[in-house]
Amino acid sequence: LTAVKVWSDANTTHIPIFILVEAKEG
């Protein structure tokens, strides 16, 4: 998440990034 935020903060005009999260148990 921090890696995404650092990039986003440096590129403030980007279109929204969708982050798909999978809760894994296998």
PDB file of all heavy atoms in Angstrom:
ATOM      1  N   LEU A   1       0.819  -1.203   0.000  1.00  0.00           N
ATOM      2  CA  LEU A   1       0.000   0.000   0.000  1.00  0.00           C
ATOM      3  C   LEU A   1       0.858   1.261   0.000  1.00  0.00           C
ATOM      4  O   LEU A   1       0.545   2.249  -0.687  1.00  0.00           O
ATOM      5  CB  LEU A   1      -0.915   0.005   1.226  1.00  0.00           C
ATOM      6  CG  LEU A   1      -1.983  -1.087   1.280  1.00  0.00           C
ATOM      7  CD1 LEU A   1      -2.681  -1.063   2.635  1.00  0.00           C
ATOM      8  CD2 LEU A   1      -2.994  -0.925   0.158  1.00  0.00           C
ATOM      9  N   THR A   2       1.944   1.223   0.751  1.00  0.00           N
ATOM     10  CA  THR A   2       2.835   2.381   0.807  1.00  0.00           C
ATOM     11  C   THR A   2       3.452   2.665  -0.557  1.00  0.00           C
ATOM     12  O   THR A   2       3.583   3.828  -0.968  1.00  0.00           O
ATOM     13  CB  THR A   2       3.929   2.156   1.861  1.00  0.00           C
ATOM     14  OG1 THR A   2       3.318   1.991   3.148  1.00  0.00           O
ATOM     15  CG2 THR A   2       4.899   3.330   1.907  1.00  0.00           C
ATOM     16  N   ALA A   3       3.815   1.619  -1.276  1.00  0.00           N
ATOM     17  CA  ALA A   3       4.376   1.801  -2.618  1.00  0.00           C
ATOM     18  C   ALA A   3       3.371   2.486  -3.534  1.00  0.00           C
ATOM     19  O   ALA A   3       3.739   3.366  -4.335  1.00  0.00           O
ATOM     20  CB  ALA A   3       4.803   0.456  -3.191  1.00  0.00           C
ATOM     21  N   VAL A   4       2.109   2.111  -3.438  1.00  0.00           N
ATOM     22  CA  VAL A   4       1.072   2.762  -4.245  1.00  0.00           C
ATOM     23  C   VAL A   4       0.931   4.224  -3.848  1.00  0.00           C
ATOM     24  O   VAL A   4       0.878   5.119  -4.705  1.00  0.00           O
ATOM     25  CB  VAL A   4      -0.285   2.043  -4.083  1.00  0.00           C
ATOM     26  CG1 VAL A   4      -1.382   2.806  -4.818  1.00  0.00           C
ATOM     27  CG2 VAL A   4      -0.203   0.615  -4.600  1.00  0.00           C
ATOM     28  N   LYS A   5       0.882   4.483  -2.550  1.00  0.00           N
ATOM     29  CA  LYS A   5       0.679   5.853  -2.081  1.00  0.00           C
ATOM     30  C   LYS A   5       1.843   6.760  -2.471  1.00  0.00           C
ATOM     31  O   LYS A   5       1.633   7.917  -2.865  1.00  0.00           O
ATOM     32  CB  LYS A   5       0.480   5.880  -0.569  1.00  0.00           C
ATOM     33  CG  LYS A   5       0.128   7.268  -0.038  1.00  0.00           C
ATOM     34  CD  LYS A   5      -0.166   7.254   1.442  1.00  0.00           C
ATOM     35  CE  LYS A   5      -0.676   8.617   1.903  1.00  0.00           C
ATOM     36  NZ  LYS A   5       0.316   9.696   1.705  1.00  0.00           N
ATOM     37  N   VAL A   6       3.059   6.260  -2.354  1.00  0.00           N
ATOM     38  CA  VAL A   6       4.225   7.077  -2.716  1.00  0.00           C
ATOM     39  C   VAL A   6       4.138   7.480  -4.190  1.00  0.00           C
ATOM     40  O   VAL A   6       4.369   8.646  -4.544  1.00  0.00           O
ATOM     41  CB  VAL A   6       5.531   6.306  -2.431  1.00  0.00           C
ATOM     42  CG1 VAL A   6       6.723   6.993  -3.089  1.00  0.00           C
ATOM     43  CG2 VAL A   6       5.757   6.199  -0.926  1.00  0.00           C
ATOM     44  N   TRP A   7       3.814   6.527  -5.050  1.00  0.00           N
ATOM     45  CA  TRP A   7       3.699   6.853  -6.480  1.00  0.00           C
ATOM     46  C   TRP A   7       2.543   7.824  -6.718  1.00  0.00           C
ATOM     47  O   TRP A   7       2.671   8.793  -7.479  1.00  0.00           O
ATOM     48  CB  TRP A   7       3.508   5.589  -7.303  1.00  0.00           C
ATOM     49  CG  TRP A   7       3.530   5.874  -8.779  1.00  0.00           C
ATOM     50  CD1 TRP A   7       4.618   5.896  -9.601  1.00  0.00           C
ATOM     51  CD2 TRP A   7       2.401   6.213  -9.603  1.00  0.00           C
ATOM     52  NE1 TRP A   7       4.250   6.227 -10.885  1.00  0.00           N
ATOM     53  CE2 TRP A   7       2.890   6.427 -10.913  1.00  0.00           C
ATOM     54  CE3 TRP A   7       1.040   6.360  -9.365  1.00  0.00           C
ATOM     55  CZ2 TRP A   7       2.062   6.779 -11.983  1.00  0.00           C
ATOM     56  CZ3 TRP A   7       0.205   6.712 -10.414  1.00  0.00           C
ATOM     57  CH2 TRP A   7       0.711   6.912 -11.701  1.00  0.00           C
ATOM     58  N   SER A   8       1.417   7.565  -6.079  1.00  0.00           N
ATOM     59  CA  SER A   8       0.242   8.415  -6.261  1.00  0.00           C
ATOM     60  C   SER A   8       0.516   9.846  -5.813  1.00  0.00           C
ATOM     61  O   SER A   8       0.142  10.813  -6.492  1.00  0.00           O
ATOM     62  CB  SER A   8      -0.944   7.841  -5.487  1.00  0.00           C
ATOM     63  OG  SER A   8      -2.094   8.643  -5.625  1.00  0.00           O
ATOM     64  N   ASP A   9       1.194  10.001  -4.679  1.00  0.00           N
ATOM     65  CA  ASP A   9       1.506  11.335  -4.171  1.00  0.00           C
ATOM     66  C   ASP A   9       2.429  12.106  -5.114  1.00  0.00           C
ATOM     67  O   ASP A   9       2.403  13.336  -5.150  1.00  0.00           O
ATOM     68  CB  ASP A   9       2.166  11.238  -2.793  1.00  0.00           C
ATOM     69  CG  ASP A   9       1.184  10.833  -1.701  1.00  0.00           C
ATOM     70  OD1 ASP A   9      -0.040  10.881  -1.951  1.00  0.00           O
ATOM     71  OD2 ASP A   9       1.643  10.465  -0.597  1.00  0.00           O
ATOM     72  N   ALA A  10       3.241  11.383  -5.873  1.00  0.00           N
ATOM     73  CA  ALA A  10       4.160  12.023  -6.811  1.00  0.00           C
ATOM     74  C   ALA A  10       3.532  12.248  -8.185  1.00  0.00           C
ATOM     75  O   ALA A  10       4.122  12.921  -9.030  1.00  0.00           O
ATOM     76  CB  ALA A  10       5.423  11.176  -6.965  1.00  0.00           C
ATOM     77  N   ASN A  11       2.337  11.692  -8.397  1.00  0.00           N
ATOM     78  CA  ASN A  11       1.673  11.779  -9.703  1.00  0.00           C
ATOM     79  C   ASN A  11       0.195  12.086  -9.475  1.00  0.00           C
ATOM     80  O   ASN A  11      -0.681  11.278  -9.751  1.00  0.00           O
ATOM     81  CB  ASN A  11       1.833  10.466 -10.472  1.00  0.00           C
ATOM     82  CG  ASN A  11       3.275  10.146 -10.796  1.00  0.00           C
ATOM     83  OD1 ASN A  11       3.793  10.528 -11.830  1.00  0.00           O
ATOM     84  ND2 ASN A  11       3.944   9.425  -9.895  1.00  0.00           N
ATOM     85  N   THR A  12      -0.067  13.289  -8.988  1.00  0.00           N
ATOM     86  CA  THR A  12      -1.379  13.601  -8.412  1.00  0.00           C
ATOM     87  C   THR A  12      -2.497  13.726  -9.432  1.00  0.00           C
ATOM     88  O   THR A  12      -3.663  13.823  -9.042  1.00  0.00           O
ATOM     89  CB  THR A  12      -1.299  14.903  -7.601  1.00  0.00           C
ATOM     90  OG1 THR A  12      -0.798  15.951  -8.454  1.00  0.00           O
ATOM     91  CG2 THR A  12      -0.377  14.734  -6.399  1.00  0.00           C
ATOM     92  N   THR A  13      -2.183  13.747 -10.725  1.00  0.00           N
ATOM     93  CA  THR A  13      -3.246  13.861 -11.723  1.00  0.00           C
ATOM     94  C   THR A  13      -3.664  12.515 -12.303  1.00  0.00           C
ATOM     95  O   THR A  13      -4.492  12.465 -13.215  1.00  0.00           O
ATOM     96  CB  THR A  13      -2.807  14.778 -12.878  1.00  0.00           C
ATOM     97  OG1 THR A  13      -1.648  14.219 -13.502  1.00  0.00           O
ATOM     98  CG2 THR A  13      -2.495  16.175 -12.377  1.00  0.00           C
ATOM     99  N   HIS A  14      -3.098  11.425 -11.799  1.00  0.00           N
ATOM    100  CA  HIS A  14      -3.415  10.123 -12.389  1.00  0.00           C
ATOM    101  C   HIS A  14      -4.889   9.782 -12.216  1.00  0.00           C
ATOM    102  O   HIS A  14      -5.536  10.179 -11.240  1.00  0.00           O
ATOM    103  CB  HIS A  14      -2.535   9.025 -11.770  1.00  0.00           C
ATOM    104  CG  HIS A  14      -2.866   8.694 -10.336  1.00  0.00           C
ATOM    105  ND1 HIS A  14      -3.905   7.870  -9.968  1.00  0.00           N
ATOM    106  CD2 HIS A  14      -2.271   9.070  -9.171  1.00  0.00           C
ATOM    107  CE1 HIS A  14      -3.953   7.746  -8.650  1.00  0.00           C
ATOM    108  NE2 HIS A  14      -2.977   8.466  -8.141  1.00  0.00           N
ATOM    109  N   ILE A  15      -5.426   9.032 -13.170  1.00  0.00           N
ATOM    110  CA  ILE A  15      -6.781   8.529 -12.993  1.00  0.00           C
ATOM    111  C   ILE A  15      -6.759   7.514 -11.849  1.00  0.00           C
ATOM    112  O   ILE A  15      -5.715   6.945 -11.534  1.00  0.00           O
ATOM    113  CB  ILE A  15      -7.332   7.893 -14.283  1.00  0.00           C
ATOM    114  CG1 ILE A  15      -6.473   6.701 -14.709  1.00  0.00           C
ATOM    115  CG2 ILE A  15      -7.451   8.918 -15.396  1.00  0.00           C
ATOM    116  CD1 ILE A  15      -7.134   5.865 -15.772  1.00  0.00           C
ATOM    117  N   PRO A  16      -7.896   7.285 -11.199  1.00  0.00           N
ATOM    118  CA  PRO A  16      -7.873   6.420 -10.016  1.00  0.00           C
ATOM    119  C   PRO A  16      -7.384   5.014 -10.329  1.00  0.00           C
ATOM    120  O   PRO A  16      -7.689   4.449 -11.377  1.00  0.00           O
ATOM    121  CB  PRO A  16      -9.329   6.427  -9.539  1.00  0.00           C
ATOM    122  CG  PRO A  16     -10.116   6.885 -10.710  1.00  0.00           C
ATOM    123  CD  PRO A  16      -9.247   7.806 -11.481  1.00  0.00           C
ATOM    124  N   ILE A  17      -6.624   4.480  -9.405  1.00  0.00           N
ATOM    125  CA  ILE A  17      -6.099   3.118  -9.509  1.00  0.00           C
ATOM    126  C   ILE A  17      -6.992   2.198  -8.690  1.00  0.00           C
ATOM    127  O   ILE A  17      -7.280   2.465  -7.516  1.00  0.00           O
ATOM    128  CB  ILE A  17      -4.647   3.055  -8.996  1.00  0.00           C
ATOM    129  CG1 ILE A  17      -3.737   3.902  -9.884  1.00  0.00           C
ATOM    130  CG2 ILE A  17      -4.155   1.611  -8.930  1.00  0.00           C
ATOM    131  CD1 ILE A  17      -2.351   4.112  -9.314  1.00  0.00           C
ATOM    132  N   PHE A  18      -7.444   1.131  -9.317  1.00  0.00           N
ATOM    133  CA  PHE A  18      -8.283   0.151  -8.626  1.00  0.00           C
ATOM    134  C   PHE A  18      -7.396  -0.974  -8.113  1.00  0.00           C
ATOM    135  O   PHE A  18      -6.619  -1.566  -8.870  1.00  0.00           O
ATOM    136  CB  PHE A  18      -9.338  -0.401  -9.579  1.00  0.00           C
ATOM    137  CG  PHE A  18     -10.324  -1.324  -8.922  1.00  0.00           C
ATOM    138  CD1 PHE A  18     -11.203  -0.853  -7.961  1.00  0.00           C
ATOM    139  CD2 PHE A  18     -10.391  -2.665  -9.279  1.00  0.00           C
ATOM    140  CE1 PHE A  18     -12.129  -1.703  -7.361  1.00  0.00           C
ATOM    141  CE2 PHE A  18     -11.315  -3.521  -8.694  1.00  0.00           C
ATOM    142  CZ  PHE A  18     -12.187  -3.033  -7.724  1.00  0.00           C
ATOM    143  N   ILE A  19      -7.514  -1.282  -6.828  1.00  0.00           N
ATOM    144  CA  ILE A  19      -6.673  -2.278  -6.171  1.00  0.00           C
ATOM    145  C   ILE A  19      -7.550  -3.421  -5.700  1.00  0.00           C
ATOM    146  O   ILE A  19      -8.378  -3.269  -4.801  1.00  0.00           O
ATOM    147  CB  ILE A  19      -5.913  -1.654  -4.989  1.00  0.00           C
ATOM    148  CG1 ILE A  19      -5.064  -0.459  -5.468  1.00  0.00           C
ATOM    149  CG2 ILE A  19      -5.034  -2.706  -4.299  1.00  0.00           C
ATOM    150  CD1 ILE A  19      -4.483   0.375  -4.350  1.00  0.00           C
ATOM    151  N   LEU A  20      -7.367  -4.564  -6.316  1.00  0.00           N
ATOM    152  CA  LEU A  20      -8.131  -5.755  -5.978  1.00  0.00           C
ATOM    153  C   LEU A  20      -7.362  -6.532  -4.914  1.00  0.00           C
ATOM    154  O   LEU A  20      -6.178  -6.827  -5.094  1.00  0.00           O
ATOM    155  CB  LEU A  20      -8.336  -6.607  -7.229  1.00  0.00           C
ATOM    156  CG  LEU A  20      -9.377  -7.714  -7.203  1.00  0.00           C
ATOM    157  CD1 LEU A  20     -10.762  -7.144  -6.890  1.00  0.00           C
ATOM    158  CD2 LEU A  20      -9.398  -8.432  -8.551  1.00  0.00           C
ATOM    159  N   VAL A  21      -8.016  -6.847  -3.815  1.00  0.00           N
ATOM    160  CA  VAL A  21      -7.380  -7.535  -2.694  1.00  0.00           C
ATOM    161  C   VAL A  21      -8.021  -8.904  -2.527  1.00  0.00           C
ATOM    162  O   VAL A  21      -9.244  -9.021  -2.386  1.00  0.00           O
ATOM    163  CB  VAL A  21      -7.535  -6.725  -1.386  1.00  0.00           C
ATOM    164  CG1 VAL A  21      -6.855  -7.457  -0.231  1.00  0.00           C
ATOM    165  CG2 VAL A  21      -6.964  -5.326  -1.548  1.00  0.00           C
ATOM    166  N   GLU A  22      -7.183  -9.946  -2.537  1.00  0.00           N
ATOM    167  CA  GLU A  22      -7.687 -11.296  -2.297  1.00  0.00           C
ATOM    168  C   GLU A  22      -7.215 -11.791  -0.937  1.00  0.00           C
ATOM    169  O   GLU A  22      -6.013 -11.813  -0.652  1.00  0.00           O
ATOM    170  CB  GLU A  22      -7.237 -12.284  -3.371  1.00  0.00           C
ATOM    171  CG  GLU A  22      -7.783 -13.686  -3.131  1.00  0.00           C
ATOM    172  CD  GLU A  22      -7.463 -14.682  -4.221  1.00  0.00           C
ATOM    173  OE1 GLU A  22      -6.800 -14.290  -5.203  1.00  0.00           O
ATOM    174  OE2 GLU A  22      -7.871 -15.853  -4.094  1.00  0.00           O
ATOM    175  N   ALA A  23      -8.164 -12.173  -0.101  1.00  0.00           N
ATOM    176  CA  ALA A  23      -7.853 -12.779   1.190  1.00  0.00           C
ATOM    177  C   ALA A  23      -7.612 -14.270   0.956  1.00  0.00           C
ATOM    178  O   ALA A  23      -8.542 -15.023   0.688  1.00  0.00           O
ATOM    179  CB  ALA A  23      -9.004 -12.556   2.166  1.00  0.00           C
ATOM    180  N   LYS A  24      -6.361 -14.697   1.067  1.00  0.00           N
ATOM    181  CA  LYS A  24      -5.999 -16.061   0.691  1.00  0.00           C
ATOM    182  C   LYS A  24      -5.871 -16.971   1.915  1.00  0.00           C
ATOM    183  O   LYS A  24      -5.376 -16.556   2.968  1.00  0.00           O
ATOM    184  CB  LYS A  24      -4.686 -16.068  -0.104  1.00  0.00           C
ATOM    185  CG  LYS A  24      -4.793 -15.343  -1.439  1.00  0.00           C
ATOM    186  CD  LYS A  24      -3.702 -15.751  -2.405  1.00  0.00           C
ATOM    187  CE  LYS A  24      -3.915 -17.153  -2.918  1.00  0.00           C
ATOM    188  NZ  LYS A  24      -2.953 -17.491  -4.015  1.00  0.00           N
ATOM    189  N   GLU A  25      -6.294 -18.208   1.717  1.00  0.00           N
ATOM    190  CA  GLU A  25      -6.250 -19.197   2.789  1.00  0.00           C
ATOM    191  C   GLU A  25      -5.592 -20.496   2.348  1.00  0.00           C
ATOM    192  O   GLU A  25      -5.463 -21.429   3.131  1.00  0.00           O
ATOM    193  CB  GLU A  25      -7.675 -19.502   3.273  1.00  0.00           C
ATOM    194  CG  GLU A  25      -8.430 -18.289   3.783  1.00  0.00           C
ATOM    195  CD  GLU A  25      -9.862 -18.616   4.183  1.00  0.00           C
ATOM    196  OE1 GLU A  25     -10.458 -19.546   3.571  1.00  0.00           O
ATOM    197  OE2 GLU A  25     -10.371 -17.964   5.110  1.00  0.00           O
ATOM    198  N   GLY A  26      -5.182 -20.578   1.090  1.00  0.00           N
ATOM    199  CA  GLY A  26      -4.691 -21.838   0.551  1.00  0.00           C
ATOM    200  C   GLY A  26      -3.185 -22.004   0.652  1.00  0.00           C
ATOM    201  O   GLY A  26      -2.431 -21.030   0.676  1.00  0.00           O
TER     202      GLY A  26
END
